[in-house]
Amino acid sequence: MERLLILFFALAAIFISSCGKDDPSASDTPEEVEETVYSVVGVWRDGNKIVSFDADGFYCCYLGDKFIDNGYYKQTGNESVVCDNYYYNRYTTFSISSIDDNRMSVTVTSKDVYGEDLTRKLSLVKTDIEPTKEKHPLTAKSWTFLSNRGNVTMNFVTNDTGTKTCASYPESSCPLKFFYVYINGYAYVQFSFLYKEVMIGGWTDEASSKEIRALKIRFDSDGSMSFIGDSSVL
């Protein structure tokens, strides 16, 4: 009888020990810490290069080297941001190597205006600038000014396209079109030919070179355009 009691207690001890090992709450494995995902919403700068992500999924940027871009974006964790440009029918990818609330290091890949591969590494710092909305204050506005060529009109037809026309000949025979992005009071503009390539010195140079110009924009209290500042090649 004594031997049976000893055997019973030994088996009970083994059973209790086994149950303890199977209990998940008794595991020695440390709990996995959930990664903090940082939002890219905001306006970021690296020198004169600037990138805007708004909270509704619209993005635009000037990245130098004749490159401006806009469209809709999708962020995947702390890994990447993919942007769909519907004007040029291209994708721009921001591969994130590091990010926090104030800084972001990225490698940008896309196609340039000539269709060639473009890669840029940026160390971006977040600013307090308000991100650009898809429908911004410059949409559907126009400005006519007197130049040494006569009256010139800049017409910002949509939120990212426009035309530049002149009332005087021969410039009047060659209107220009442009793709642009608007960020923080500046229009970053890239010209091209509207109908055909006709070389008119001083008028079509920008369309041929694809250089980007930054135009300072001012508005009256009623929202109408009141000023376009001197443009400069970036």
Protein backbone atom coordinates (compact mmCIF):
# COMPACT_ATOMS: atom_id res chain seq x y z
CA MET A 1 0.00 0.00 0.00
CA GLU A 2 2.82 2.39 0.86
CA ARG A 3 4.43 1.68 -2.49
CA LEU A 4 1.17 2.47 -4.31
CA LEU A 5 0.90 5.84 -2.52
CA ILE A 6 4.49 6.73 -3.44
CA LEU A 7 3.82 5.81 -7.08
CA PHE A 8 0.59 7.84 -7.09
CA PHE A 9 2.30 11.00 -5.79
CA ALA A 10 5.18 10.57 -8.25
CA LEU A 11 2.77 10.34 -11.20
CA ALA A 12 0.80 13.35 -9.93
CA ALA A 13 3.99 15.43 -9.74
CA ILE A 14 4.91 14.48 -13.31
CA PHE A 15 1.39 15.37 -14.55
CA ILE A 16 1.40 18.79 -12.84
CA SER A 17 4.89 19.57 -14.22
CA SER A 18 3.78 18.62 -17.73
CA CYS A 19 0.71 20.88 -17.56
CA GLY A 20 2.85 23.81 -16.46
CA LYS A 21 5.10 23.42 -19.49
CA ASP A 22 2.09 23.41 -21.84
CA ASP A 23 0.64 26.60 -20.33
CA PRO A 24 1.38 29.50 -22.77
CA SER A 25 1.39 31.93 -19.86
CA ALA A 26 4.35 30.11 -18.40
CA SER A 27 6.47 30.53 -21.55
CA ASP A 28 9.92 32.10 -21.22
CA THR A 29 9.68 33.56 -24.76
CA PRO A 30 9.65 37.39 -24.59
CA GLU A 31 6.59 39.15 -26.00
CA GLU A 32 6.99 40.65 -29.47
CA VAL A 33 7.02 44.46 -29.37
CA GLU A 34 4.78 46.02 -32.03
CA GLU A 35 6.67 48.38 -34.37
CA THR A 36 5.66 52.05 -34.35
CA VAL A 37 4.55 53.08 -37.84
CA TYR A 38 5.39 56.71 -38.60
CA SER A 39 3.14 58.66 -40.96
CA VAL A 40 4.70 60.50 -43.92
CA VAL A 41 1.93 63.12 -43.92
CA GLY A 42 3.52 66.57 -44.05
CA VAL A 43 6.00 68.55 -46.12
CA TRP A 44 9.61 67.38 -46.16
CA ARG A 45 12.77 69.10 -47.42
CA ASP A 46 16.32 68.24 -48.41
CA GLY A 47 17.90 71.53 -49.44
CA ASN A 48 15.76 72.99 -52.24
CA LYS A 49 14.13 69.62 -52.91
CA ILE A 50 10.65 69.37 -51.42
CA VAL A 51 8.04 66.63 -51.01
CA SER A 52 4.42 67.05 -49.86
CA PHE A 53 2.13 64.25 -48.63
CA ASP A 54 -1.39 65.27 -47.60
CA ALA A 55 -3.68 63.29 -45.30
CA ASP A 56 -6.08 62.43 -48.15
CA GLY A 57 -3.48 60.51 -50.17
CA PHE A 58 -2.34 63.26 -52.58
CA TYR A 59 1.34 63.91 -53.11
CA CYS A 60 3.58 66.26 -55.09
CA CYS A 61 7.29 66.99 -55.19
CA TYR A 62 10.21 68.78 -56.80
CA LEU A 63 13.34 66.62 -56.70
CA GLY A 64 15.70 68.50 -58.98
CA ASP A 65 17.25 67.20 -62.23
CA LYS A 66 14.24 68.30 -64.27
CA PHE A 67 11.95 66.18 -62.09
CA ILE A 68 8.59 67.19 -60.64
CA ASP A 69 5.85 64.71 -59.80
CA ASN A 70 2.38 64.39 -58.31
CA GLY A 71 -0.47 61.91 -57.93
CA TYR A 72 -1.87 59.56 -55.32
CA TYR A 73 0.29 57.70 -52.84
CA LYS A 74 0.07 54.64 -50.61
CA GLN A 75 2.31 54.10 -47.58
CA THR A 76 3.33 50.59 -46.54
CA GLY A 77 4.44 50.71 -42.90
CA ASN A 78 7.92 52.12 -42.38
CA GLU A 79 9.09 50.47 -45.59
CA SER A 80 7.94 52.43 -48.63
CA VAL A 81 5.64 54.96 -50.25
CA VAL A 82 4.46 54.30 -53.81
CA CYS A 83 3.09 57.23 -55.82
CA ASP A 84 0.99 56.95 -58.98
CA ASN A 85 1.47 59.82 -61.46
CA TYR A 86 -1.51 59.84 -63.79
CA TYR A 87 -0.11 62.63 -66.04
CA TYR A 88 3.07 60.78 -67.07
CA ASN A 89 1.61 57.31 -66.34
CA ARG A 90 4.53 56.36 -64.11
CA TYR A 91 5.16 55.19 -60.56
CA THR A 92 7.56 56.83 -58.13
CA THR A 93 8.74 54.78 -55.14
CA PHE A 94 10.20 56.16 -51.90
CA SER A 95 12.04 53.25 -50.28
CA ILE A 96 12.44 54.21 -46.62
CA SER A 97 15.69 53.30 -44.85
CA SER A 98 14.89 55.23 -41.65
CA ILE A 99 12.02 57.37 -40.39
CA ASP A 100 10.74 59.06 -37.25
CA ASP A 101 8.48 62.02 -36.53
CA ASN A 102 10.97 64.57 -37.87
CA ARG A 103 13.38 62.89 -40.29
CA MET A 104 13.21 60.41 -43.13
CA SER A 105 15.96 58.87 -45.28
CA VAL A 106 14.76 57.50 -48.61
CA THR A 107 15.89 56.21 -51.96
CA VAL A 108 13.62 57.50 -54.72
CA THR A 109 13.22 55.55 -57.98
CA SER A 110 11.16 56.67 -60.97
CA LYS A 111 11.38 57.64 -64.65
CA ASP A 112 12.54 61.10 -65.68
CA VAL A 113 10.93 63.32 -68.32
CA TYR A 114 12.86 61.46 -71.03
CA GLY A 115 11.73 58.04 -69.83
CA GLU A 116 15.13 57.17 -68.35
CA ASP A 117 15.57 55.53 -64.93
CA LEU A 118 16.00 58.03 -62.10
CA THR A 119 17.40 57.23 -58.64
CA ARG A 120 17.91 59.76 -55.85
CA LYS A 121 18.90 59.41 -52.18
CA LEU A 122 17.39 62.05 -49.90
CA SER A 123 17.75 62.95 -46.23
CA LEU A 124 14.45 64.70 -45.60
CA VAL A 125 13.55 66.93 -42.66
CA LYS A 126 9.90 67.58 -41.79
CA THR A 127 8.74 71.20 -41.91
CA ASP A 128 5.71 73.05 -40.56
CA ILE A 129 4.51 73.86 -44.11
CA GLU A 130 0.92 72.89 -44.90
CA PRO A 131 0.73 69.98 -47.38
CA THR A 132 -0.73 70.68 -50.83
CA LYS A 133 -4.30 69.51 -51.44
CA GLU A 134 -5.33 67.96 -54.74
CA LYS A 135 -7.44 71.04 -55.44
CA HIS A 136 -5.19 73.91 -54.41
CA PRO A 137 -5.60 77.73 -54.71
CA LEU A 138 -3.86 77.90 -58.12
CA THR A 139 -6.29 75.50 -59.82
CA ALA A 140 -8.23 77.18 -62.69
CA LYS A 141 -6.49 80.54 -62.20
CA SER A 142 -4.75 82.65 -64.89
CA TRP A 143 -2.42 85.62 -65.03
CA THR A 144 -1.70 87.99 -67.94
CA PHE A 145 1.34 90.23 -67.90
CA LEU A 146 3.10 92.54 -70.32
CA SER A 147 6.52 91.36 -71.52
CA ASN A 148 8.89 92.55 -74.25
CA ARG A 149 7.01 90.10 -76.50
CA GLY A 150 3.59 91.57 -75.75
CA ASN A 151 0.87 90.22 -73.50
CA VAL A 152 1.66 86.76 -72.12
CA THR A 153 -0.92 84.63 -70.32
CA MET A 154 -0.17 81.81 -67.90
CA ASN A 155 -3.32 79.72 -67.55
CA PHE A 156 -3.30 77.07 -64.80
CA VAL A 157 -6.09 75.00 -66.34
CA THR A 158 -6.14 72.10 -63.87
CA ASN A 159 -4.40 71.28 -60.61
CA ASP A 160 -1.26 70.23 -62.52
CA THR A 161 -1.50 71.35 -66.19
CA GLY A 162 -1.62 74.68 -67.99
CA THR A 163 -0.78 76.72 -71.06
CA LYS A 164 1.43 79.70 -71.81
CA THR A 165 0.34 81.88 -74.72
CA CYS A 166 1.42 85.16 -76.27
CA ALA A 167 -0.70 87.68 -78.18
CA SER A 168 2.14 88.70 -80.51
CA TYR A 169 3.50 86.91 -83.59
CA PRO A 170 5.48 84.65 -84.00
CA GLU A 171 5.03 83.49 -80.39
CA SER A 172 1.26 83.36 -80.91
CA SER A 173 1.81 80.57 -83.47
CA CYS A 174 3.50 78.37 -80.87
CA PRO A 175 1.59 78.15 -77.58
CA LEU A 176 3.29 76.11 -74.88
CA LYS A 177 1.82 73.66 -72.41
CA PHE A 178 3.20 72.85 -68.99
CA PHE A 179 3.05 70.35 -66.17
CA TYR A 180 3.39 71.86 -62.70
CA VAL A 181 3.13 71.23 -58.98
CA TYR A 182 2.13 73.82 -56.40
CA ILE A 183 3.77 73.78 -52.97
CA ASN A 184 3.88 76.51 -50.33
CA GLY A 185 3.17 79.45 -52.62
CA TYR A 186 5.43 78.31 -55.49
CA ALA A 187 4.52 76.75 -58.81
CA TYR A 188 7.26 74.43 -60.09
CA VAL A 189 6.69 74.48 -63.85
CA GLN A 190 8.03 72.29 -66.67
CA PHE A 191 7.22 73.42 -70.24
CA SER A 192 6.73 71.42 -73.43
CA PHE A 193 5.31 72.07 -76.91
CA LEU A 194 1.52 72.15 -77.21
CA TYR A 195 1.21 71.32 -80.91
CA LYS A 196 4.56 71.12 -82.68
CA GLU A 197 8.20 71.92 -82.10
CA VAL A 198 8.93 75.36 -83.53
CA MET A 199 12.09 77.04 -82.36
CA ILE A 200 11.54 80.68 -81.41
CA GLY A 201 14.53 82.06 -79.56
CA GLY A 202 13.76 82.99 -75.97
CA TRP A 203 10.19 81.65 -76.18
CA THR A 204 10.59 77.92 -76.76
CA ASP A 205 13.95 77.49 -74.98
CA GLU A 206 12.28 76.18 -71.82
CA ALA A 207 10.19 73.67 -73.75
CA SER A 208 13.32 72.32 -75.43
CA SER A 209 15.47 72.12 -72.31
CA LYS A 210 12.79 70.75 -69.91
CA GLU A 211 14.28 72.94 -67.20
CA ILE A 212 12.01 73.57 -64.22
CA ARG A 213 11.16 77.09 -63.16
CA ALA A 214 9.93 78.17 -59.76
CA LEU A 215 7.28 80.89 -59.87
CA LYS A 216 6.32 82.78 -56.73
CA ILE A 217 2.51 83.13 -56.62
CA ARG A 218 0.49 85.69 -54.70
CA PHE A 219 -3.27 85.92 -54.29
CA ASP A 220 -5.68 88.73 -53.47
CA SER A 221 -8.04 88.42 -50.52
CA ASP A 222 -10.77 87.19 -52.88
CA GLY A 223 -8.56 84.30 -54.04
CA SER A 224 -7.69 85.72 -57.47
CA MET A 225 -4.07 85.80 -58.60
CA SER A 226 -2.36 89.13 -58.06
CA PHE A 227 1.28 88.39 -58.86
CA ILE A 228 3.68 85.91 -60.41
CA GLY A 229 7.22 86.60 -59.28
CA ASP A 230 10.32 86.45 -61.41
CA SER A 231 10.94 82.87 -62.45
CA SER A 232 14.27 81.15 -61.99
CA VAL A 233 15.77 77.97 -63.37
CA LEU A 234 16.36 75.51 -60.53
